[in-house]
Protein backbone atom coordinates (compact mmCIF):
# COMPACT_ATOMS: atom_id res chain seq x y z
CA MET A 1 11.46 -10.09 -8.26
CA ALA A 2 12.73 -9.59 -11.77
CA GLY A 3 14.00 -6.56 -13.59
CA LEU A 4 15.22 -4.30 -10.79
CA GLN A 5 17.28 -1.30 -11.85
CA TYR A 6 20.48 -0.68 -9.92
CA SER A 7 22.63 2.42 -9.69
CA ARG A 8 25.45 0.67 -11.54
CA GLY A 9 23.25 0.59 -14.64
CA THR A 10 22.87 -3.19 -14.57
CA ARG A 11 19.78 -5.33 -14.24
CA PHE A 12 19.61 -8.42 -12.13
CA THR A 13 16.98 -10.97 -11.13
CA LEU A 14 16.41 -12.05 -7.54
CA SER A 15 14.15 -15.07 -7.28
CA PRO A 16 11.57 -15.12 -4.46
CA THR A 17 13.16 -18.38 -3.28
CA GLU A 18 16.61 -16.85 -2.89
CA LYS A 19 17.54 -15.60 0.57
CA PRO A 20 20.33 -13.34 1.84
CA PRO A 21 22.94 -14.74 4.26
CA ARG A 22 21.82 -15.48 7.79
CA PRO A 23 22.89 -13.07 10.54
CA GLN A 24 25.09 -14.01 13.46
CA ARG A 25 23.46 -14.76 16.80
CA GLY A 26 22.82 -11.85 19.12
CA GLU A 27 22.06 -9.30 16.38
CA THR A 28 19.18 -6.86 16.83
CA VAL A 29 17.81 -4.48 14.20
CA ILE A 30 16.12 -1.21 15.12
CA LEU A 31 13.80 0.30 12.50
CA VAL A 32 13.41 4.11 12.50
CA HIS A 33 10.46 5.60 10.60
CA GLY A 34 10.22 8.82 8.63
CA LEU A 35 8.27 12.08 8.80
CA TRP A 36 4.58 11.90 9.84
CA MET A 37 4.92 8.15 10.40
CA HIS A 38 4.85 5.64 13.26
CA GLY A 39 6.75 2.40 13.79
CA ILE A 40 3.70 0.42 12.69
CA VAL A 41 4.58 1.22 9.04
CA PHE A 42 7.45 -1.28 9.34
CA HIS A 43 5.17 -4.29 9.82
CA PHE A 44 6.16 -5.90 6.49
CA LEU A 45 9.89 -5.15 6.77
CA ARG A 46 9.95 -6.25 10.39
CA GLN A 47 8.40 -9.60 9.53
CA ALA A 48 10.75 -10.07 6.56
CA LEU A 49 13.86 -9.41 8.66
CA MET A 50 12.63 -11.68 11.44
CA ARG A 51 12.24 -14.49 8.91
CA CYS A 52 15.90 -13.92 8.01
CA GLY A 53 16.90 -14.55 11.61
CA PHE A 54 17.18 -11.04 13.07
CA ARG A 55 15.57 -9.83 16.24
CA VAL A 56 13.74 -6.66 15.18
CA GLU A 57 12.36 -3.72 17.14
CA THR A 58 10.76 -0.47 16.01
CA PHE A 59 11.53 2.99 17.36
CA SER A 60 8.79 5.64 17.24
CA TYR A 61 9.37 9.32 17.92
CA PRO A 62 7.61 12.71 17.46
CA SER A 63 8.91 13.49 13.97
CA VAL A 64 7.26 16.92 13.70
CA ARG A 65 7.11 18.31 17.21
CA ARG A 66 10.69 17.73 18.40
CA GLY A 67 14.00 18.76 16.88
CA LEU A 68 16.73 16.57 15.42
CA ALA A 69 18.99 16.66 18.50
CA ALA A 70 16.15 15.79 20.87
CA ASN A 71 14.93 12.89 18.73
CA THR A 72 18.49 11.64 18.30
CA ASP A 73 18.82 11.62 22.08
CA LEU A 74 15.71 9.45 22.28
CA LEU A 75 17.16 7.06 19.71
CA ALA A 76 20.50 6.92 21.55
CA HIS A 77 18.76 5.96 24.79
CA PHE A 78 16.67 3.36 22.97
CA VAL A 79 19.77 1.78 21.40
CA ALA A 80 21.70 1.83 24.69
CA ALA A 81 18.87 -0.02 26.43
CA ARG A 82 18.98 -3.00 24.03
CA GLU A 83 20.48 -6.16 25.48
CA ALA A 84 22.26 -7.35 22.35
CA GLU A 85 25.85 -7.86 21.30
CA THR A 86 25.26 -5.91 18.08
CA VAL A 87 22.55 -3.42 17.14
CA HIS A 88 21.97 -2.55 13.49
CA LEU A 89 19.98 0.53 12.45
CA VAL A 90 17.63 0.85 9.47
CA GLY A 91 16.02 4.20 8.73
CA HIS A 92 13.46 5.30 6.17
CA SER A 93 13.57 8.91 4.97
CA LEU A 94 13.87 11.22 8.01
CA GLY A 95 14.62 8.16 10.14
CA GLY A 96 17.90 7.81 8.26
CA LEU A 97 18.83 11.37 9.23
CA LEU A 98 18.37 10.51 12.90
CA ILE A 99 20.67 7.55 12.37
CA LEU A 100 23.31 9.68 10.65
CA ASN A 101 23.12 12.22 13.44
CA LEU A 102 23.57 9.43 15.98
CA LEU A 103 26.51 7.97 14.06
CA SER A 104 28.24 11.35 14.14
CA ARG A 105 28.46 11.13 17.92
CA PRO A 106 31.66 9.80 19.52
CA ALA A 107 30.12 7.11 21.75
CA LEU A 108 28.14 4.42 19.93
CA PRO A 109 26.80 1.57 22.09
CA HIS A 110 26.39 -1.88 20.51
CA ARG A 111 27.76 -0.71 17.17
CA GLY A 112 26.51 -2.50 14.06
CA ARG A 113 25.71 -1.68 10.44
CA ALA A 114 23.20 0.86 9.15
CA VAL A 115 20.93 1.04 6.09
CA LEU A 116 19.34 4.27 4.87
CA MET A 117 16.23 3.96 2.69
CA GLY A 118 15.20 7.02 0.69
CA THR A 119 17.06 9.29 3.10
CA PRO A 120 17.79 12.87 1.91
CA CYS A 121 21.39 12.91 3.16
CA ARG A 122 22.18 16.02 1.09
CA GLY A 123 19.03 17.87 2.04
CA SER A 124 15.45 17.68 0.84
CA HIS A 125 14.28 19.81 -2.10
CA CYS A 126 10.64 19.01 -1.30
CA ALA A 127 10.96 19.86 2.40
CA THR A 128 12.68 23.14 1.60
CA MET A 129 10.00 24.13 -0.91
CA LEU A 130 7.18 23.13 1.44
CA ALA A 131 8.71 25.00 4.38
CA GLY A 132 8.86 28.13 2.22
CA ILE A 133 5.08 28.19 1.82
CA PRO A 134 3.42 30.40 4.46
CA GLY A 135 2.04 28.27 7.28
CA CYS A 136 3.66 25.02 6.09
CA ALA A 137 6.93 25.11 8.03
CA ARG A 138 5.18 23.50 10.98
CA ILE A 139 4.12 20.59 8.76
CA VAL A 140 7.72 19.89 7.76
CA GLY A 141 8.65 19.72 11.43
CA HIS A 142 11.72 20.66 13.41
CA SER A 143 13.81 17.55 12.79
CA MET A 144 13.78 17.81 9.01
CA GLN A 145 14.49 21.54 9.06
CA ASP A 146 17.36 21.05 11.51
CA TRP A 147 19.21 18.81 9.03
CA ARG A 148 19.36 21.05 5.93
CA GLY A 149 21.90 18.77 4.25
CA ILE A 150 24.69 19.78 6.60
CA PRO A 151 27.44 17.14 6.36
CA ARG A 152 28.46 15.53 9.62
CA PRO A 153 31.61 13.46 10.16
CA LEU A 154 30.71 9.86 10.92
CA ALA A 155 32.35 7.62 13.50
CA ALA A 156 35.17 5.56 12.05
CA GLY A 157 34.46 1.99 11.00
CA VAL A 158 30.70 2.30 10.59
CA GLU A 159 29.36 0.41 7.56
CA ILE A 160 26.46 2.25 5.91
CA GLY A 161 24.36 1.08 2.97
CA VAL A 162 22.23 3.53 0.98
CA ILE A 163 19.10 2.54 -0.94
CA ALA A 164 17.47 5.05 -3.31
CA GLY A 165 14.32 4.75 -5.40
CA ASP A 166 13.74 5.97 -8.96
CA ARG A 167 9.99 5.37 -9.46
CA GLY A 168 8.95 9.02 -9.38
CA VAL A 169 5.35 8.58 -8.28
CA GLY A 170 4.34 11.23 -5.76
CA THR A 171 3.78 14.90 -5.12
CA GLY A 172 7.42 15.96 -5.38
CA PRO A 173 7.72 16.14 -9.19
CA LEU A 174 4.25 17.64 -9.65
CA LEU A 175 4.21 20.32 -6.95
CA PHE A 176 7.85 21.12 -6.32
CA GLY A 177 9.75 20.28 -9.53
CA LEU A 178 11.80 17.58 -7.83
CA PRO A 179 14.88 16.74 -9.96
CA LYS A 180 14.97 13.40 -11.79
CA PRO A 181 15.52 10.59 -11.11
CA ASN A 182 13.56 10.48 -7.87
CA ASP A 183 11.23 8.30 -5.81
CA GLY A 184 8.45 10.88 -5.80
CA ILE A 185 9.66 12.55 -2.61
CA VAL A 186 13.47 12.33 -2.57
CA ALA A 187 15.81 12.67 -5.55
CA VAL A 188 18.41 9.94 -6.05
CA ALA A 189 21.14 12.61 -5.89
CA GLU A 190 19.87 13.68 -2.46
CA THR A 191 20.46 10.20 -1.06
CA GLN A 192 24.17 10.14 -1.90
CA LEU A 193 26.41 9.88 1.12
CA ALA A 194 30.16 10.38 1.13
CA GLY A 195 31.78 7.42 2.83
CA ALA A 196 28.88 5.01 2.28
CA THR A 197 30.03 1.40 2.11
CA ASP A 198 27.63 0.42 -0.68
CA SER A 199 24.64 1.89 -2.50
CA LEU A 200 22.04 0.95 -5.08
CA THR A 201 18.86 2.25 -6.70
CA LEU A 202 15.67 0.18 -6.84
CA HIS A 203 12.70 0.91 -9.08
CA VAL A 204 10.38 1.74 -6.17
CA ALA A 205 8.61 4.87 -4.96
CA HIS A 206 9.37 6.46 -1.60
CA SER A 207 6.72 4.70 0.49
CA GLU A 208 6.95 1.47 -1.53
CA MET A 209 10.33 0.82 0.08
CA LEU A 210 8.46 -0.11 3.24
CA PHE A 211 6.62 -2.95 1.49
CA SER A 212 9.05 -4.03 -1.24
CA LYS A 213 10.28 -7.65 -1.07
CA ALA A 214 13.37 -6.70 -3.06
CA CYS A 215 14.14 -3.86 -0.67
CA ALA A 216 13.73 -6.14 2.34
CA ARG A 217 16.14 -8.70 0.84
CA GLN A 218 18.70 -6.01 0.14
CA VAL A 219 18.44 -4.65 3.68
CA ALA A 220 18.90 -8.13 5.12
CA ALA A 221 21.87 -8.80 2.83
CA PHE A 222 23.67 -5.61 3.84
CA LEU A 223 23.06 -6.12 7.55
CA ALA A 224 24.44 -9.66 7.32
CA THR A 225 27.43 -9.03 5.04
CA GLY A 226 28.10 -5.29 4.73
CA ARG A 227 27.18 -5.14 1.03
CA PHE A 228 24.11 -5.35 -1.16
CA LEU A 229 23.37 -8.07 -3.70
CA HIS A 230 24.66 -6.89 -7.08
CA GLU A 231 24.72 -8.63 -10.43
CA GLY A 232 27.16 -11.54 -10.43
CA ASP A 233 27.10 -12.04 -6.67
CA GLU A 234 27.01 -15.58 -5.33
CA ARG A 235 23.55 -16.12 -3.80
CA PRO A 236 22.45 -19.16 -1.76
């Protein structure tokens, strides 16, 4: 897919025939969805990662009704129950916050890499504005409100890749004055994470990350190697 804009200010072309490195045997990927979603939204990404050689599972949770700690507990139990040498985590939006909360805990079973897609690591302008409207706090849900951009120390040695989007198509800019650049829901600045191993910005909107071929290739590349595909990289 040609002409993708990266956070380094460079442009680079990834041919549909080019594939990221293959994973090692015994690697499982768990996909964690965002607010108001269900694991079924990962159908495209799940299939793409499976074609790359990963075993992929989806984790669904009550994103509105339960709080961040309770949902993180559910994720921790789900990860611990996997029979795999290594478990990688990929989260979209709020799902990435669950992953960060899990990675701040001292005991991490089956440790692997993590990718955050459109995750408001520094807090969500849109969620804050929406929660401030009378009667709308319940819509935002407990998990998102529990985060509030509070930094959490991460376990040592965890490799985390951050993907942001800058195609600002969505309600955020129109209704809530979301700062630019943004993906329509989350500002690029909100995705920044201190200590991230690698990061990049794709020209996709927030929900488009779930169906983007370029995003899927970048996720697979980071899970296999610990870095994204940037301009000048050797690609098979």
